[in-house]
Amino acid sequence: MLLNAVVIVLREVLEASLIISVFLALSQILNRSLKWMLLALVLGLISGFIYAGTISTVSMAFGGIGQEIVNATINILIFIALIIFVYAIPHQTNQRCRQLTVIAIMSTVILAIMREGSEVLLFITGFIGVPDLLGPVLMGGAVGAGLGVSVGVFIYYFIVNLIPRYGVWVGYLLLLLVAGSLMSQAVEFLIQADLLTSSEPVWNSSNIIDEHSVAGQLLFALLGYEATPQTSQVIAYICSMTALFCVAMFSFIKRDRN
């Protein structure tokens, strides 16, 4: 149980930590105020507690598929915020784009912490009535959270210590991976809710890396790894990454022409 708690909490914390570390690094490179990030962290934690506390009501909504719909919606909203972010970043001399950047950062961080934080809370509180397991779960959760935050700190310092131009592009690359993972997960939630048709897996890499293993869970958090992805998930993954890349390139080209 200790190892399971480490892996589960690490996966959830790492997903949010990746997003936060990239935004912190890009804000540092672009000399943007971090006060909005701190506010977003606080609001995200509060939202996570509220979401976890109302999860039973949410789950029963829409005929019992409320949680899947809400989680898919959260992922889609984060993706939209990332689109806005990569478009606005090259135009920081424009006041409107500076405001859009802040809105995108805050929205993404709040939604990411809300979803991942609620998952951690629900996992841990599920063992409150089992004293023999609660201790190992809390210890494993603390270790997992510490590892997730440590990875985020490493990514932050790695990006900010690069040449600024390279740091921005590394941050963009990580956001591309985040976008692909988010939209693939959103499709999976919609399939679970029977709002999208399920299909045969495009491939099965379980014999190489089992998605339930430690390595598989880490790759899921970092890259959105699925051992048996369905066709719609692969399409969503590729299209979302392509869309984010095209918007970023369009924005840079537009800035250079102006």
C-alpha atoms as a PDB file:
ATOM      1  CA  MET A   1       0.000   0.000   0.000  1.00  0.00           C
ATOM      2  CA  LEU A   2       2.903   2.343   0.742  1.00  0.00           C
ATOM      3  CA  LEU A   3       4.273   1.969  -2.794  1.00  0.00           C
ATOM      4  CA  ASN A   4       0.809   2.347  -4.334  1.00  0.00           C
ATOM      5  CA  ALA A   5       0.287   5.572  -2.395  1.00  0.00           C
ATOM      6  CA  VAL A   6       3.661   6.903  -3.532  1.00  0.00           C
ATOM      7  CA  VAL A   7       2.907   6.160  -7.195  1.00  0.00           C
ATOM      8  CA  ILE A   8      -0.674   7.462  -7.191  1.00  0.00           C
ATOM      9  CA  VAL A   9       0.098  10.725  -5.378  1.00  0.00           C
ATOM     10  CA  LEU A  10       3.286  11.205  -7.394  1.00  0.00           C
ATOM     11  CA  ARG A  11       1.322  10.903 -10.628  1.00  0.00           C
ATOM     12  CA  GLU A  12      -1.282  13.449  -9.587  1.00  0.00           C
ATOM     13  CA  VAL A  13       1.197  15.936  -8.101  1.00  0.00           C
ATOM     14  CA  LEU A  14       3.560  15.573 -11.048  1.00  0.00           C
ATOM     15  CA  GLU A  15       0.864  16.510 -13.569  1.00  0.00           C
ATOM     16  CA  ALA A  16       0.134  19.781 -11.757  1.00  0.00           C
ATOM     17  CA  SER A  17       3.793  20.348 -10.869  1.00  0.00           C
ATOM     18  CA  LEU A  18       4.818  20.155 -14.535  1.00  0.00           C
ATOM     19  CA  ILE A  19       2.365  22.868 -15.552  1.00  0.00           C
ATOM     20  CA  ILE A  20       3.190  25.131 -12.618  1.00  0.00           C
ATOM     21  CA  SER A  21       6.970  24.810 -13.062  1.00  0.00           C
ATOM     22  CA  VAL A  22       6.780  25.684 -16.770  1.00  0.00           C
ATOM     23  CA  PHE A  23       4.627  28.749 -16.099  1.00  0.00           C
ATOM     24  CA  LEU A  24       6.886  29.866 -13.247  1.00  0.00           C
ATOM     25  CA  ALA A  25       9.963  29.482 -15.458  1.00  0.00           C
ATOM     26  CA  LEU A  26       8.451  31.337 -18.406  1.00  0.00           C
ATOM     27  CA  SER A  27       7.221  34.098 -16.088  1.00  0.00           C
ATOM     28  CA  GLN A  28      10.744  34.422 -14.698  1.00  0.00           C
ATOM     29  CA  ILE A  29      12.292  34.536 -18.182  1.00  0.00           C
ATOM     30  CA  LEU A  30       9.800  37.176 -19.312  1.00  0.00           C
ATOM     31  CA  ASN A  31      10.151  39.188 -16.056  1.00  0.00           C
ATOM     32  CA  ARG A  32       6.489  38.808 -15.181  1.00  0.00           C
ATOM     33  CA  SER A  33       5.113  39.220 -11.673  1.00  0.00           C
ATOM     34  CA  LEU A  34       4.609  35.976  -9.746  1.00  0.00           C
ATOM     35  CA  LYS A  35       1.849  37.363  -7.496  1.00  0.00           C
ATOM     36  CA  TRP A  36      -0.785  36.043  -9.909  1.00  0.00           C
ATOM     37  CA  MET A  37       0.742  32.581  -9.664  1.00  0.00           C
ATOM     38  CA  LEU A  38       0.553  32.640  -5.859  1.00  0.00           C
ATOM     39  CA  LEU A  39      -3.085  33.725  -6.014  1.00  0.00           C
ATOM     40  CA  ALA A  40      -3.826  30.943  -8.510  1.00  0.00           C
ATOM     41  CA  LEU A  41      -2.175  28.364  -6.230  1.00  0.00           C
ATOM     42  CA  VAL A  42      -4.362  29.414  -3.292  1.00  0.00           C
ATOM     43  CA  LEU A  43      -7.554  29.470  -5.383  1.00  0.00           C
ATOM     44  CA  GLY A  44      -6.640  26.106  -6.891  1.00  0.00           C
ATOM     45  CA  LEU A  45      -6.239  24.504  -3.468  1.00  0.00           C
ATOM     46  CA  ILE A  46      -9.554  25.936  -2.292  1.00  0.00           C
ATOM     47  CA  SER A  47     -11.259  24.722  -5.484  1.00  0.00           C
ATOM     48  CA  GLY A  48      -9.727  21.273  -5.002  1.00  0.00           C
ATOM     49  CA  PHE A  49     -11.187  20.985  -1.485  1.00  0.00           C
ATOM     50  CA  ILE A  50     -14.596  22.120  -2.736  1.00  0.00           C
ATOM     51  CA  TYR A  51     -14.534  19.700  -5.694  1.00  0.00           C
ATOM     52  CA  ALA A  52     -13.484  16.792  -3.484  1.00  0.00           C
ATOM     53  CA  GLY A  53     -16.184  17.655  -0.948  1.00  0.00           C
ATOM     54  CA  THR A  54     -18.936  17.722  -3.573  1.00  0.00           C
ATOM     55  CA  ILE A  55     -17.696  14.801  -5.672  1.00  0.00           C
ATOM     56  CA  SER A  56     -20.624  12.533  -4.740  1.00  0.00           C
ATOM     57  CA  THR A  57     -23.099  15.142  -5.953  1.00  0.00           C
ATOM     58  CA  VAL A  58     -21.072  15.818  -9.076  1.00  0.00           C
ATOM     59  CA  SER A  59     -20.793  12.101  -9.859  1.00  0.00           C
ATOM     60  CA  MET A  60     -24.573  11.633  -9.749  1.00  0.00           C
ATOM     61  CA  ALA A  61     -25.227  14.522 -12.133  1.00  0.00           C
ATOM     62  CA  PHE A  62     -26.081  13.927 -15.791  1.00  0.00           C
ATOM     63  CA  GLY A  63     -27.349  10.445 -15.067  1.00  0.00           C
ATOM     64  CA  GLY A  64     -24.264   9.280 -13.174  1.00  0.00           C
ATOM     65  CA  ILE A  65     -21.594  10.569 -15.565  1.00  0.00           C
ATOM     66  CA  GLY A  66     -21.117  13.977 -13.971  1.00  0.00           C
ATOM     67  CA  GLN A  67     -17.539  13.380 -12.806  1.00  0.00           C
ATOM     68  CA  GLU A  68     -16.412  12.249 -16.257  1.00  0.00           C
ATOM     69  CA  ILE A  69     -18.050  15.269 -17.900  1.00  0.00           C
ATOM     70  CA  VAL A  70     -16.559  17.710 -15.383  1.00  0.00           C
ATOM     71  CA  ASN A  71     -13.069  16.208 -15.683  1.00  0.00           C
ATOM     72  CA  ALA A  72     -13.240  16.256 -19.487  1.00  0.00           C
ATOM     73  CA  THR A  73     -14.442  19.875 -19.373  1.00  0.00           C
ATOM     74  CA  ILE A  74     -11.586  20.850 -17.035  1.00  0.00           C
ATOM     75  CA  ASN A  75      -9.031  19.330 -19.429  1.00  0.00           C
ATOM     76  CA  ILE A  76     -10.569  21.071 -22.427  1.00  0.00           C
ATOM     77  CA  LEU A  77     -10.610  24.425 -20.598  1.00  0.00           C
ATOM     78  CA  ILE A  78      -6.932  24.011 -19.661  1.00  0.00           C
ATOM     79  CA  PHE A  79      -6.138  23.269 -23.310  1.00  0.00           C
ATOM     80  CA  ILE A  80      -7.968  26.438 -24.401  1.00  0.00           C
ATOM     81  CA  ALA A  81      -6.007  28.415 -21.793  1.00  0.00           C
ATOM     82  CA  LEU A  82      -2.754  26.979 -23.179  1.00  0.00           C
ATOM     83  CA  ILE A  83      -3.780  28.063 -26.685  1.00  0.00           C
ATOM     84  CA  ILE A  84      -4.380  31.591 -25.401  1.00  0.00           C
ATOM     85  CA  PHE A  85      -1.076  31.548 -23.518  1.00  0.00           C
ATOM     86  CA  VAL A  86       1.134  30.524 -26.457  1.00  0.00           C
ATOM     87  CA  TYR A  87      -0.612  33.064 -28.675  1.00  0.00           C
ATOM     88  CA  ALA A  88      -0.205  35.941 -26.216  1.00  0.00           C
ATOM     89  CA  ILE A  89       3.393  35.325 -25.087  1.00  0.00           C
ATOM     90  CA  PRO A  90       5.155  36.811 -28.172  1.00  0.00           C
ATOM     91  CA  HIS A  91       3.097  40.026 -27.894  1.00  0.00           C
ATOM     92  CA  GLN A  92       3.922  41.160 -24.372  1.00  0.00           C
ATOM     93  CA  THR A  93       4.302  44.774 -25.482  1.00  0.00           C
ATOM     94  CA  ASN A  94       0.553  44.728 -26.093  1.00  0.00           C
ATOM     95  CA  GLN A  95      -1.422  45.418 -22.914  1.00  0.00           C
ATOM     96  CA  ARG A  96      -4.298  43.162 -23.945  1.00  0.00           C
ATOM     97  CA  CYS A  97      -1.947  40.243 -24.576  1.00  0.00           C
ATOM     98  CA  ARG A  98      -0.283  40.799 -21.210  1.00  0.00           C
ATOM     99  CA  GLN A  99      -3.712  40.541 -19.581  1.00  0.00           C
ATOM    100  CA  LEU A 100      -4.528  37.410 -21.585  1.00  0.00           C
ATOM    101  CA  THR A 101      -1.253  35.860 -20.407  1.00  0.00           C
ATOM    102  CA  VAL A 102      -2.181  36.399 -16.758  1.00  0.00           C
ATOM    103  CA  ILE A 103      -5.697  35.052 -17.312  1.00  0.00           C
ATOM    104  CA  ALA A 104      -4.355  31.966 -19.093  1.00  0.00           C
ATOM    105  CA  ILE A 105      -1.785  31.247 -16.365  1.00  0.00           C
ATOM    106  CA  MET A 106      -4.260  31.657 -13.540  1.00  0.00           C
ATOM    107  CA  SER A 107      -6.965  29.597 -15.251  1.00  0.00           C
ATOM    108  CA  THR A 108      -4.591  26.754 -16.054  1.00  0.00           C
ATOM    109  CA  VAL A 109      -3.038  26.589 -12.586  1.00  0.00           C
ATOM    110  CA  ILE A 110      -6.381  26.824 -10.768  1.00  0.00           C
ATOM    111  CA  LEU A 111      -7.989  24.101 -12.893  1.00  0.00           C
ATOM    112  CA  ALA A 112      -4.939  21.812 -12.761  1.00  0.00           C
ATOM    113  CA  ILE A 113      -4.623  22.021  -8.970  1.00  0.00           C
ATOM    114  CA  MET A 114      -8.377  21.695  -8.568  1.00  0.00           C
ATOM    115  CA  ARG A 115      -8.486  18.412 -10.461  1.00  0.00           C
ATOM    116  CA  GLU A 116      -5.248  16.826  -9.307  1.00  0.00           C
ATOM    117  CA  GLY A 117      -5.633  18.085  -5.727  1.00  0.00           C
ATOM    118  CA  SER A 118      -9.134  16.680  -5.452  1.00  0.00           C
ATOM    119  CA  GLU A 119      -7.892  13.306  -6.696  1.00  0.00           C
ATOM    120  CA  VAL A 120      -5.224  13.221  -3.977  1.00  0.00           C
ATOM    121  CA  LEU A 121      -7.706  14.251  -1.286  1.00  0.00           C
ATOM    122  CA  LEU A 122     -10.236  11.623  -2.366  1.00  0.00           C
ATOM    123  CA  PHE A 123      -7.565   8.935  -2.419  1.00  0.00           C
ATOM    124  CA  ILE A 124      -6.281   9.737   1.073  1.00  0.00           C
ATOM    125  CA  THR A 125      -9.661  10.332   2.715  1.00  0.00           C
ATOM    126  CA  GLY A 126     -10.814   6.962   1.413  1.00  0.00           C
ATOM    127  CA  PHE A 127      -8.570   5.348   4.040  1.00  0.00           C
ATOM    128  CA  ILE A 128      -9.701   7.409   7.048  1.00  0.00           C
ATOM    129  CA  GLY A 129     -11.899   4.545   8.202  1.00  0.00           C
ATOM    130  CA  VAL A 130      -9.049   2.036   7.883  1.00  0.00           C
ATOM    131  CA  PRO A 131      -6.517   2.963  10.606  1.00  0.00           C
ATOM    132  CA  ASP A 132      -4.118   0.135   9.718  1.00  0.00           C
ATOM    133  CA  LEU A 133      -3.711   1.503   6.192  1.00  0.00           C
ATOM    134  CA  LEU A 134      -4.053   5.223   6.844  1.00  0.00           C
ATOM    135  CA  GLY A 135      -0.514   5.597   8.231  1.00  0.00           C
ATOM    136  CA  PRO A 136       1.241   3.956   5.255  1.00  0.00           C
ATOM    137  CA  VAL A 137      -1.010   5.877   2.846  1.00  0.00           C
ATOM    138  CA  LEU A 138      -0.170   9.221   4.486  1.00  0.00           C
ATOM    139  CA  MET A 139       3.529   8.382   4.507  1.00  0.00           C
ATOM    140  CA  GLY A 140       3.460   7.214   0.907  1.00  0.00           C
ATOM    141  CA  GLY A 141       1.435  10.262  -0.105  1.00  0.00           C
ATOM    142  CA  ALA A 142       3.974  12.574   1.521  1.00  0.00           C
ATOM    143  CA  VAL A 143       6.824  10.833  -0.300  1.00  0.00           C
ATOM    144  CA  GLY A 144       4.958  10.956  -3.607  1.00  0.00           C
ATOM    145  CA  ALA A 145       4.088  14.625  -3.181  1.00  0.00           C
ATOM    146  CA  GLY A 146       7.683  15.434  -2.277  1.00  0.00           C
ATOM    147  CA  LEU A 147       8.998  13.647  -5.361  1.00  0.00           C
ATOM    148  CA  GLY A 148       6.455  15.378  -7.602  1.00  0.00           C
ATOM    149  CA  VAL A 149       7.338  18.813  -6.280  1.00  0.00           C
ATOM    150  CA  SER A 150      11.061  18.005  -6.575  1.00  0.00           C
ATOM    151  CA  VAL A 151      10.654  17.149 -10.262  1.00  0.00           C
ATOM    152  CA  GLY A 152       8.791  20.420 -10.773  1.00  0.00           C
ATOM    153  CA  VAL A 153      11.596  22.359  -9.051  1.00  0.00           C
ATOM    154  CA  PHE A 154      14.162  20.620 -11.257  1.00  0.00           C
ATOM    155  CA  ILE A 155      12.232  21.494 -14.417  1.00  0.00           C
ATOM    156  CA  TYR A 156      11.917  25.113 -13.264  1.00  0.00           C
ATOM    157  CA  TYR A 157      15.628  25.569 -12.641  1.00  0.00           C
ATOM    158  CA  PHE A 158      16.525  23.688 -15.803  1.00  0.00           C
ATOM    159  CA  ILE A 159      14.461  26.075 -17.935  1.00  0.00           C
ATOM    160  CA  VAL A 160      15.478  29.337 -16.228  1.00  0.00           C
ATOM    161  CA  ASN A 161      19.177  28.474 -16.470  1.00  0.00           C
ATOM    162  CA  LEU A 162      19.027  28.043 -20.236  1.00  0.00           C
ATOM    163  CA  ILE A 163      19.586  30.895 -22.664  1.00  0.00           C
ATOM    164  CA  PRO A 164      16.202  32.712 -22.538  1.00  0.00           C
ATOM    165  CA  ARG A 165      15.324  31.917 -26.143  1.00  0.00           C
ATOM    166  CA  TYR A 166      16.021  28.213 -25.609  1.00  0.00           C
ATOM    167  CA  GLY A 167      14.226  28.283 -22.265  1.00  0.00           C
ATOM    168  CA  VAL A 168      11.061  29.558 -23.921  1.00  0.00           C
ATOM    169  CA  TRP A 169      11.162  26.818 -26.537  1.00  0.00           C
ATOM    170  CA  VAL A 170      11.787  24.091 -23.953  1.00  0.00           C
ATOM    171  CA  GLY A 171       8.793  25.444 -22.034  1.00  0.00           C
ATOM    172  CA  TYR A 172       6.734  25.350 -25.225  1.00  0.00           C
ATOM    173  CA  LEU A 173       7.798  21.757 -25.879  1.00  0.00           C
ATOM    174  CA  LEU A 174       6.661  20.693 -22.418  1.00  0.00           C
ATOM    175  CA  LEU A 175       3.354  22.515 -22.913  1.00  0.00           C
ATOM    176  CA  LEU A 176       2.885  20.611 -26.195  1.00  0.00           C
ATOM    177  CA  LEU A 177       3.209  17.342 -24.286  1.00  0.00           C
ATOM    178  CA  VAL A 178       0.815  18.610 -21.626  1.00  0.00           C
ATOM    179  CA  ALA A 179      -1.713  19.584 -24.298  1.00  0.00           C
ATOM    180  CA  GLY A 180      -1.559  16.163 -25.932  1.00  0.00           C
ATOM    181  CA  SER A 181      -1.958  14.419 -22.584  1.00  0.00           C
ATOM    182  CA  LEU A 182      -4.885  16.618 -21.532  1.00  0.00           C
ATOM    183  CA  MET A 183      -6.900  16.074 -24.692  1.00  0.00           C
ATOM    184  CA  SER A 184      -6.183  12.352 -24.773  1.00  0.00           C
ATOM    185  CA  GLN A 185      -7.463  12.102 -21.187  1.00  0.00           C
ATOM    186  CA  ALA A 186     -10.486  14.251 -22.047  1.00  0.00           C
ATOM    187  CA  VAL A 187     -11.412  11.824 -24.822  1.00  0.00           C
ATOM    188  CA  GLU A 188     -10.953   8.906 -22.434  1.00  0.00           C
ATOM    189  CA  PHE A 189     -13.350  10.525 -19.943  1.00  0.00           C
ATOM    190  CA  LEU A 190     -15.929  11.031 -22.698  1.00  0.00           C
ATOM    191  CA  ILE A 191     -15.549   7.398 -23.766  1.00  0.00           C
ATOM    192  CA  GLN A 192     -16.085   6.299 -20.158  1.00  0.00           C
ATOM    193  CA  ALA A 193     -19.240   8.421 -20.118  1.00  0.00           C
ATOM    194  CA  ASP A 194     -20.418   6.723 -23.355  1.00  0.00           C
ATOM    195  CA  LEU A 195     -20.482  10.092 -25.103  1.00  0.00           C
ATOM    196  CA  LEU A 196     -17.860   8.902 -27.590  1.00  0.00           C
ATOM    197  CA  THR A 197     -17.684   5.495 -29.226  1.00  0.00           C
ATOM    198  CA  SER A 198     -15.021   3.165 -27.984  1.00  0.00           C
ATOM    199  CA  SER A 199     -12.777   1.282 -30.443  1.00  0.00           C
ATOM    200  CA  GLU A 200     -10.095  -1.351 -30.510  1.00  0.00           C
ATOM    201  CA  PRO A 201      -6.687  -0.204 -29.200  1.00  0.00           C
ATOM    202  CA  VAL A 202      -4.366   1.169 -31.868  1.00  0.00           C
ATOM    203  CA  TRP A 203      -1.502  -0.706 -30.215  1.00  0.00           C
ATOM    204  CA  ASN A 204      -0.715  -2.570 -27.018  1.00  0.00           C
ATOM    205  CA  SER A 205       2.613  -1.748 -25.382  1.00  0.00           C
ATOM    206  CA  SER A 206       1.786  -3.360 -22.024  1.00  0.00           C
ATOM    207  CA  ASN A 207       4.475  -5.969 -22.575  1.00  0.00           C
ATOM    208  CA  ILE A 208       7.045  -3.153 -22.845  1.00  0.00           C
ATOM    209  CA  ILE A 209       5.766  -0.692 -20.224  1.00  0.00           C
ATOM    210  CA  ASP A 210       2.675  -1.536 -18.216  1.00  0.00           C
ATOM    211  CA  GLU A 211       0.722   1.683 -17.635  1.00  0.00           C
ATOM    212  CA  HIS A 212      -0.033   0.525 -14.079  1.00  0.00           C
ATOM    213  CA  SER A 213       3.661   0.139 -13.245  1.00  0.00           C
ATOM    214  CA  VAL A 214       5.730   2.890 -11.628  1.00  0.00           C
ATOM    215  CA  ALA A 215       7.342   3.747 -14.975  1.00  0.00           C
ATOM    216  CA  GLY A 216       3.974   3.691 -16.708  1.00  0.00           C
ATOM    217  CA  GLN A 217       2.404   6.024 -14.150  1.00  0.00           C
ATOM    218  CA  LEU A 218       5.305   8.458 -14.445  1.00  0.00           C
ATOM    219  CA  LEU A 219       5.091   8.438 -18.237  1.00  0.00           C
ATOM    220  CA  PHE A 220       1.348   8.969 -17.952  1.00  0.00           C
ATOM    221  CA  ALA A 221       1.915  12.063 -15.825  1.00  0.00           C
ATOM    222  CA  LEU A 222       4.666  13.467 -18.054  1.00  0.00           C
ATOM    223  CA  LEU A 223       3.585  12.376 -21.538  1.00  0.00           C
ATOM    224  CA  GLY A 224       0.038  11.087 -21.217  1.00  0.00           C
ATOM    225  CA  TYR A 225       1.259   7.531 -21.844  1.00  0.00           C
ATOM    226  CA  GLU A 226      -1.393   4.909 -22.562  1.00  0.00           C
ATOM    227  CA  ALA A 227      -0.442   1.286 -23.180  1.00  0.00           C
ATOM    228  CA  THR A 228      -3.665   0.631 -25.126  1.00  0.00           C
ATOM    229  CA  PRO A 229      -4.838   3.962 -26.601  1.00  0.00           C
ATOM    230  CA  GLN A 230      -7.960   4.078 -28.715  1.00  0.00           C
ATOM    231  CA  THR A 231      -8.052   5.701 -32.142  1.00  0.00           C
ATOM    232  CA  SER A 232      -9.864   8.813 -30.919  1.00  0.00           C
ATOM    233  CA  GLN A 233      -7.276   9.297 -28.161  1.00  0.00           C
ATOM    234  CA  VAL A 234      -4.367   9.127 -30.601  1.00  0.00           C
ATOM    235  CA  ILE A 235      -6.115  11.573 -32.931  1.00  0.00           C
ATOM    236  CA  ALA A 236      -6.834  13.957 -30.047  1.00  0.00           C
ATOM    237  CA  TYR A 237      -3.221  13.721 -28.842  1.00  0.00           C
ATOM    238  CA  ILE A 238      -1.714  14.500 -32.239  1.00  0.00           C
ATOM    239  CA  CYS A 239      -4.248  17.165 -33.229  1.00  0.00           C
ATOM    240  CA  SER A 240      -3.989  19.055 -29.938  1.00  0.00           C
ATOM    241  CA  MET A 241      -0.192  19.151 -30.115  1.00  0.00           C
ATOM    242  CA  THR A 242      -0.362  20.243 -33.749  1.00  0.00           C
ATOM    243  CA  ALA A 243      -2.905  22.959 -32.951  1.00  0.00           C
ATOM    244  CA  LEU A 244      -0.796  24.360 -30.108  1.00  0.00           C
ATOM    245  CA  PHE A 245       2.338  24.311 -32.258  1.00  0.00           C
ATOM    246  CA  CYS A 246       0.591  26.044 -35.174  1.00  0.00           C
ATOM    247  CA  VAL A 247      -0.841  28.764 -32.934  1.00  0.00           C
ATOM    248  CA  ALA A 248       2.595  29.376 -31.391  1.00  0.00           C
ATOM    249  CA  MET A 249       4.295  29.601 -34.797  1.00  0.00           C
ATOM    250  CA  PHE A 250       1.550  31.850 -36.181  1.00  0.00           C
ATOM    251  CA  SER A 251       1.920  34.188 -33.218  1.00  0.00           C
ATOM    252  CA  PHE A 252       5.712  34.423 -33.573  1.00  0.00           C
ATOM    253  CA  ILE A 253       5.449  35.006 -37.336  1.00  0.00           C
ATOM    254  CA  LYS A 254       2.793  37.680 -36.775  1.00  0.00           C
ATOM    255  CA  ARG A 255       5.047  39.444 -34.240  1.00  0.00           C
ATOM    256  CA  ASP A 256       8.059  39.371 -36.563  1.00  0.00           C
ATOM    257  CA  ARG A 257       6.050  40.784 -39.456  1.00  0.00           C
ATOM    258  CA  ASN A 258       4.783  43.615 -37.284  1.00  0.00           C
END
